[in-house]
N, C-alpha and C. Protein backbone atom coordinates (compact mmCIF):
# COMPACT_ATOMS: atom_id res chain seq x y z
N MET A 1 18.79 4.89 -12.68
CA MET A 1 18.93 5.89 -13.70
C MET A 1 20.21 5.68 -14.49
N LEU A 2 21.28 5.27 -13.81
CA LEU A 2 22.54 5.03 -14.49
C LEU A 2 22.41 3.88 -15.48
N VAL A 3 21.60 2.89 -15.13
CA VAL A 3 21.38 1.76 -16.03
C VAL A 3 20.72 2.24 -17.31
N LYS A 4 19.79 3.15 -17.21
CA LYS A 4 19.08 3.66 -18.38
C LYS A 4 20.04 4.39 -19.31
N VAL A 5 21.03 5.05 -18.78
CA VAL A 5 22.01 5.76 -19.59
C VAL A 5 22.76 4.79 -20.49
N TRP A 6 23.02 3.59 -20.00
CA TRP A 6 23.76 2.60 -20.78
C TRP A 6 22.85 1.72 -21.63
N VAL A 7 21.64 1.44 -21.16
CA VAL A 7 20.78 0.47 -21.84
C VAL A 7 20.13 1.05 -23.08
N ILE A 8 19.67 2.28 -23.04
CA ILE A 8 18.97 2.85 -24.19
C ILE A 8 19.88 2.94 -25.43
N PRO A 9 21.11 3.42 -25.32
CA PRO A 9 21.97 3.39 -26.52
C PRO A 9 22.21 1.96 -27.02
N LEU A 10 22.36 1.02 -26.12
CA LEU A 10 22.53 -0.37 -26.54
C LEU A 10 21.28 -0.90 -27.21
N LEU A 11 20.13 -0.46 -26.76
CA LEU A 11 18.86 -0.87 -27.37
C LEU A 11 18.76 -0.33 -28.80
N TYR A 12 19.14 0.93 -29.00
CA TYR A 12 19.15 1.50 -30.35
C TYR A 12 20.17 0.80 -31.24
N LEU A 13 21.34 0.49 -30.68
CA LEU A 13 22.36 -0.22 -31.44
C LEU A 13 21.87 -1.59 -31.87
N ASP A 14 21.24 -2.31 -30.95
CA ASP A 14 20.67 -3.62 -31.28
C ASP A 14 19.61 -3.49 -32.37
N PHE A 15 18.81 -2.44 -32.28
CA PHE A 15 17.77 -2.22 -33.29
C PHE A 15 18.39 -1.97 -34.66
N GLU A 16 19.43 -1.15 -34.72
CA GLU A 16 20.06 -0.85 -36.00
C GLU A 16 20.76 -2.08 -36.59
N ILE A 17 21.37 -2.87 -35.74
CA ILE A 17 22.07 -4.07 -36.23
C ILE A 17 21.07 -5.10 -36.75
N ARG A 18 19.97 -5.30 -36.04
CA ARG A 18 19.01 -6.34 -36.41
C ARG A 18 17.77 -5.79 -37.10
N ARG A 19 17.87 -4.63 -37.74
CA ARG A 19 16.71 -3.97 -38.35
C ARG A 19 15.99 -4.88 -39.36
N GLU A 20 16.73 -5.54 -40.25
CA GLU A 20 16.10 -6.37 -41.27
C GLU A 20 15.32 -7.52 -40.63
N TYR A 21 15.92 -8.14 -39.62
CA TYR A 21 15.23 -9.24 -38.93
C TYR A 21 13.98 -8.73 -38.22
N ILE A 22 14.08 -7.59 -37.55
CA ILE A 22 12.95 -7.03 -36.81
C ILE A 22 11.82 -6.67 -37.77
N VAL A 23 12.15 -6.04 -38.90
CA VAL A 23 11.13 -5.64 -39.86
C VAL A 23 10.46 -6.88 -40.45
N ALA A 24 11.25 -7.91 -40.73
CA ALA A 24 10.70 -9.10 -41.37
C ALA A 24 9.92 -9.99 -40.42
N ASN A 25 10.32 -10.07 -39.15
CA ASN A 25 9.72 -11.06 -38.25
C ASN A 25 8.97 -10.49 -37.04
N LEU A 26 9.45 -9.40 -36.47
CA LEU A 26 8.90 -8.92 -35.20
C LEU A 26 8.00 -7.70 -35.33
N CYS A 27 8.01 -7.03 -36.46
CA CYS A 27 7.21 -5.82 -36.63
C CYS A 27 5.73 -6.18 -36.69
N GLU A 28 4.91 -5.42 -35.97
CA GLU A 28 3.47 -5.66 -35.97
C GLU A 28 2.82 -5.16 -37.25
N ASN A 29 3.41 -4.18 -37.89
CA ASN A 29 2.82 -3.54 -39.06
C ASN A 29 3.47 -4.00 -40.36
N LYS A 30 4.04 -5.20 -40.38
CA LYS A 30 4.70 -5.66 -41.61
C LYS A 30 3.69 -5.93 -42.72
N ASN A 31 2.43 -6.15 -42.40
CA ASN A 31 1.39 -6.35 -43.41
C ASN A 31 0.87 -5.03 -43.96
N ARG A 32 1.26 -3.91 -43.35
CA ARG A 32 0.81 -2.59 -43.80
C ARG A 32 2.03 -1.72 -44.15
N PRO A 33 2.62 -1.91 -45.31
CA PRO A 33 3.83 -1.16 -45.67
C PRO A 33 3.58 0.34 -45.86
N GLN A 34 2.34 0.76 -46.06
CA GLN A 34 2.05 2.19 -46.25
C GLN A 34 2.31 3.00 -44.98
N MET A 35 2.41 2.33 -43.83
CA MET A 35 2.66 3.03 -42.57
C MET A 35 4.13 3.40 -42.41
N HIS A 36 5.01 2.73 -43.14
CA HIS A 36 6.46 2.97 -43.06
C HIS A 36 6.95 2.86 -41.62
N CYS A 37 6.48 1.84 -40.94
CA CYS A 37 6.87 1.61 -39.54
C CYS A 37 8.33 1.17 -39.46
N ASP A 38 8.71 0.23 -40.29
CA ASP A 38 10.09 -0.26 -40.37
C ASP A 38 10.64 -0.69 -39.01
N GLY A 39 9.81 -1.29 -38.18
CA GLY A 39 10.26 -1.84 -36.90
C GLY A 39 10.26 -0.85 -35.76
N LYS A 40 9.83 0.38 -35.99
CA LYS A 40 9.82 1.38 -34.92
C LYS A 40 8.81 1.03 -33.83
N CYS A 41 7.77 0.28 -34.20
CA CYS A 41 6.80 -0.15 -33.20
C CYS A 41 7.47 -1.11 -32.21
N TYR A 42 8.33 -1.98 -32.71
CA TYR A 42 9.07 -2.91 -31.85
C TYR A 42 10.01 -2.14 -30.92
N LEU A 43 10.70 -1.16 -31.47
CA LEU A 43 11.62 -0.35 -30.67
C LEU A 43 10.85 0.43 -29.60
N ALA A 44 9.70 0.97 -29.96
CA ALA A 44 8.89 1.73 -28.98
C ALA A 44 8.42 0.81 -27.85
N LYS A 45 8.04 -0.42 -28.20
CA LYS A 45 7.63 -1.38 -27.16
C LYS A 45 8.77 -1.71 -26.22
N ARG A 46 9.96 -1.90 -26.78
CA ARG A 46 11.12 -2.23 -25.95
C ARG A 46 11.47 -1.09 -25.01
N ILE A 47 11.39 0.15 -25.51
CA ILE A 47 11.69 1.31 -24.67
C ILE A 47 10.62 1.46 -23.58
N ALA A 48 9.35 1.23 -23.92
CA ALA A 48 8.28 1.31 -22.92
C ALA A 48 8.47 0.23 -21.86
N ALA A 49 8.86 -0.98 -22.28
CA ALA A 49 9.11 -2.05 -21.32
C ALA A 49 10.29 -1.70 -20.41
N LEU A 50 11.30 -1.07 -20.97
CA LEU A 50 12.46 -0.64 -20.18
C LEU A 50 12.05 0.41 -19.16
N ASP A 51 11.21 1.37 -19.58
CA ASP A 51 10.73 2.39 -18.64
C ASP A 51 9.91 1.77 -17.51
N GLU A 52 9.05 0.83 -17.87
CA GLU A 52 8.23 0.15 -16.86
C GLU A 52 9.12 -0.63 -15.88
N GLN A 53 10.12 -1.29 -16.41
CA GLN A 53 11.04 -2.04 -15.55
C GLN A 53 11.80 -1.10 -14.63
N GLU A 54 12.19 0.05 -15.14
CA GLU A 54 12.90 1.02 -14.32
C GLU A 54 12.00 1.56 -13.21
N LYS A 55 10.73 1.81 -13.54
CA LYS A 55 9.79 2.28 -12.51
C LYS A 55 9.61 1.24 -11.41
N ARG A 56 9.47 -0.04 -11.80
CA ARG A 56 9.32 -1.09 -10.80
C ARG A 56 10.56 -1.20 -9.93
N GLN A 57 11.74 -1.09 -10.56
CA GLN A 57 12.98 -1.17 -9.81
C GLN A 57 13.11 0.01 -8.85
N ALA A 58 12.73 1.21 -9.30
CA ALA A 58 12.79 2.38 -8.43
C ALA A 58 11.82 2.22 -7.26
N GLU A 59 10.65 1.66 -7.52
CA GLU A 59 9.68 1.43 -6.44
C GLU A 59 10.22 0.42 -5.44
N LYS A 60 10.82 -0.65 -5.93
CA LYS A 60 11.41 -1.65 -5.02
C LYS A 60 12.52 -1.04 -4.19
N THR A 61 13.37 -0.23 -4.83
CA THR A 61 14.47 0.40 -4.11
C THR A 61 13.93 1.35 -3.04
N TYR A 62 12.91 2.12 -3.39
CA TYR A 62 12.31 3.04 -2.43
C TYR A 62 11.73 2.29 -1.24
N MET A 63 10.99 1.20 -1.53
CA MET A 63 10.37 0.43 -0.45
C MET A 63 11.43 -0.22 0.43
N SER A 64 12.49 -0.74 -0.17
CA SER A 64 13.53 -1.37 0.65
C SER A 64 14.24 -0.34 1.52
N ARG A 65 14.48 0.86 0.99
CA ARG A 65 15.09 1.91 1.81
C ARG A 65 14.16 2.34 2.93
N LEU A 66 12.89 2.45 2.63
CA LEU A 66 11.91 2.84 3.64
C LEU A 66 11.84 1.80 4.75
N ILE A 67 11.81 0.54 4.37
CA ILE A 67 11.76 -0.53 5.37
C ILE A 67 13.04 -0.56 6.19
N ASP A 68 14.18 -0.34 5.53
CA ASP A 68 15.45 -0.31 6.26
C ASP A 68 15.48 0.83 7.26
N GLN A 69 14.93 1.99 6.88
CA GLN A 69 14.91 3.11 7.81
C GLN A 69 14.01 2.83 9.00
N VAL A 70 12.88 2.22 8.75
CA VAL A 70 11.94 1.94 9.83
C VAL A 70 12.50 0.85 10.75
N MET A 71 13.08 -0.18 10.14
CA MET A 71 13.56 -1.32 10.92
C MET A 71 14.91 -1.04 11.57
N ASP A 72 15.60 0.01 11.17
CA ASP A 72 16.94 0.28 11.68
C ASP A 72 16.93 1.18 12.91
N GLN A 73 15.80 1.35 13.51
CA GLN A 73 15.71 2.16 14.72
C GLN A 73 16.31 1.37 15.87
N ARG A 74 17.43 1.81 16.35
CA ARG A 74 18.11 1.11 17.45
C ARG A 74 17.52 1.60 18.78
N THR A 75 16.52 0.91 19.24
CA THR A 75 15.84 1.27 20.47
C THR A 75 16.03 0.15 21.48
N ASP A 76 16.42 0.53 22.68
CA ASP A 76 16.58 -0.46 23.74
C ASP A 76 15.24 -0.63 24.44
N PHE A 77 14.83 -1.87 24.55
CA PHE A 77 13.58 -2.17 25.22
C PHE A 77 13.89 -2.72 26.60
N SER A 78 13.15 -2.25 27.58
CA SER A 78 13.31 -2.73 28.94
C SER A 78 12.02 -3.42 29.35
N PHE A 79 12.15 -4.65 29.77
CA PHE A 79 10.98 -5.42 30.16
C PHE A 79 10.95 -5.62 31.67
N ALA A 80 11.43 -4.64 32.43
CA ALA A 80 11.42 -4.72 33.88
C ALA A 80 9.99 -4.58 34.37
N GLN A 81 9.70 -5.30 35.44
CA GLN A 81 8.35 -5.27 35.98
C GLN A 81 8.11 -3.95 36.70
N GLN A 82 7.07 -3.27 36.32
CA GLN A 82 6.73 -1.99 36.91
C GLN A 82 5.72 -2.21 38.05
N PRO A 83 5.83 -1.44 39.13
CA PRO A 83 4.85 -1.59 40.21
C PRO A 83 3.47 -1.12 39.75
N VAL A 84 2.48 -1.81 40.22
CA VAL A 84 1.11 -1.51 39.84
C VAL A 84 0.35 -1.04 41.07
N ALA A 85 -0.28 0.12 40.96
CA ALA A 85 -1.10 0.64 42.05
C ALA A 85 -2.56 0.38 41.71
N VAL A 86 -3.26 -0.23 42.65
CA VAL A 86 -4.66 -0.57 42.42
C VAL A 86 -5.50 0.17 43.45
N GLU A 87 -6.52 0.84 42.98
CA GLU A 87 -7.44 1.53 43.87
C GLU A 87 -8.79 0.83 43.78
N LEU A 88 -9.25 0.35 44.88
CA LEU A 88 -10.53 -0.34 44.90
C LEU A 88 -11.65 0.67 45.10
N LEU A 89 -12.63 0.59 44.24
CA LEU A 89 -13.76 1.49 44.32
C LEU A 89 -14.84 0.86 45.20
N PRO A 90 -15.70 1.68 45.81
CA PRO A 90 -16.77 1.10 46.62
C PRO A 90 -17.71 0.28 45.73
N ARG A 91 -18.24 -0.75 46.31
CA ARG A 91 -19.12 -1.64 45.53
C ARG A 91 -20.41 -0.93 45.17
N ALA A 92 -20.81 -1.13 43.98
CA ALA A 92 -22.06 -0.55 43.51
C ALA A 92 -23.22 -1.43 43.98
N VAL A 93 -24.29 -0.78 44.37
CA VAL A 93 -25.46 -1.50 44.84
C VAL A 93 -26.52 -1.41 43.75
N PHE A 94 -26.97 -2.54 43.34
CA PHE A 94 -28.01 -2.61 42.31
C PHE A 94 -29.26 -3.18 42.92
N SER A 95 -30.37 -2.65 42.48
CA SER A 95 -31.64 -3.22 42.92
C SER A 95 -32.44 -3.57 41.68
N LEU A 96 -33.11 -4.67 41.77
CA LEU A 96 -33.87 -5.14 40.63
C LEU A 96 -35.33 -5.18 41.01
N THR A 97 -36.11 -4.48 40.23
CA THR A 97 -37.55 -4.56 40.42
C THR A 97 -38.14 -5.13 39.16
N SER A 98 -38.96 -6.06 39.34
CA SER A 98 -39.56 -6.72 38.21
C SER A 98 -40.62 -5.82 37.60
N CYS A 99 -40.73 -5.86 36.31
CA CYS A 99 -41.75 -5.05 35.65
C CYS A 99 -43.13 -5.70 35.80
N PHE A 100 -43.16 -6.92 36.35
CA PHE A 100 -44.44 -7.61 36.52
C PHE A 100 -45.04 -7.39 37.91
N THR A 101 -44.36 -6.68 38.78
CA THR A 101 -44.92 -6.41 40.11
C THR A 101 -45.94 -5.28 39.98
N PRO A 102 -47.00 -5.36 40.74
CA PRO A 102 -48.02 -4.32 40.63
C PRO A 102 -47.51 -3.01 41.22
N ARG A 103 -47.88 -1.92 40.59
CA ARG A 103 -47.48 -0.60 41.06
C ARG A 103 -48.70 0.12 41.60
N VAL A 104 -48.43 0.97 42.53
CA VAL A 104 -49.50 1.77 43.11
C VAL A 104 -49.38 3.16 42.50
N ALA A 105 -50.43 3.65 41.94
CA ALA A 105 -50.41 4.95 41.28
C ALA A 105 -50.19 6.09 42.25
N VAL A 106 -50.51 5.89 43.51
CA VAL A 106 -50.35 6.93 44.51
C VAL A 106 -48.87 7.20 44.75
N ASP A 107 -48.01 6.17 44.60
CA ASP A 107 -46.56 6.37 44.81
C ASP A 107 -45.97 7.33 43.77
N ASP A 108 -46.56 7.38 42.59
CA ASP A 108 -46.05 8.29 41.55
C ASP A 108 -46.43 9.74 41.84
N ILE A 109 -47.53 9.92 42.58
CA ILE A 109 -47.99 11.29 42.83
C ILE A 109 -47.41 11.82 44.13
N PHE A 110 -47.50 11.05 45.22
CA PHE A 110 -47.05 11.51 46.53
C PHE A 110 -45.65 10.99 46.81
N HIS A 111 -44.68 11.88 46.70
CA HIS A 111 -43.30 11.54 47.01
C HIS A 111 -42.59 12.81 47.44
N PRO A 112 -41.43 12.68 48.09
CA PRO A 112 -40.71 13.87 48.51
C PRO A 112 -40.22 14.66 47.28
N PRO A 113 -39.98 15.94 47.44
CA PRO A 113 -39.54 16.73 46.29
C PRO A 113 -38.16 16.27 45.79
N LEU A 114 -38.02 16.28 44.48
CA LEU A 114 -36.75 15.91 43.85
C LEU A 114 -35.86 17.14 43.77
N VAL A 115 -34.67 17.01 44.17
CA VAL A 115 -33.77 18.18 44.15
C VAL A 115 -32.77 18.00 43.06
């Protein structure tokens, strides 16, 4: 922001000093004198470029401060080996019945009650 305070007056001063050159060579509307631009389009572009540059610089500054804050966390890391407790579970029993084995329909009807 402080840079903008100094640069914009210098930009206007440069424009006033080089007005004839800007109107003759750099003005986009020099072929249309009825607009009475007189180089103001060039000045507006320079100010817009300055604003864009300031926004990019502010974004870079913000990101660098953010990264510095994140990376500046002074944390002590301890890589000591911690004891590990392991509990063994009982082995699961799986049974496989092939879908190609013949089934007896009576087994589906006569069985103990399901609780």
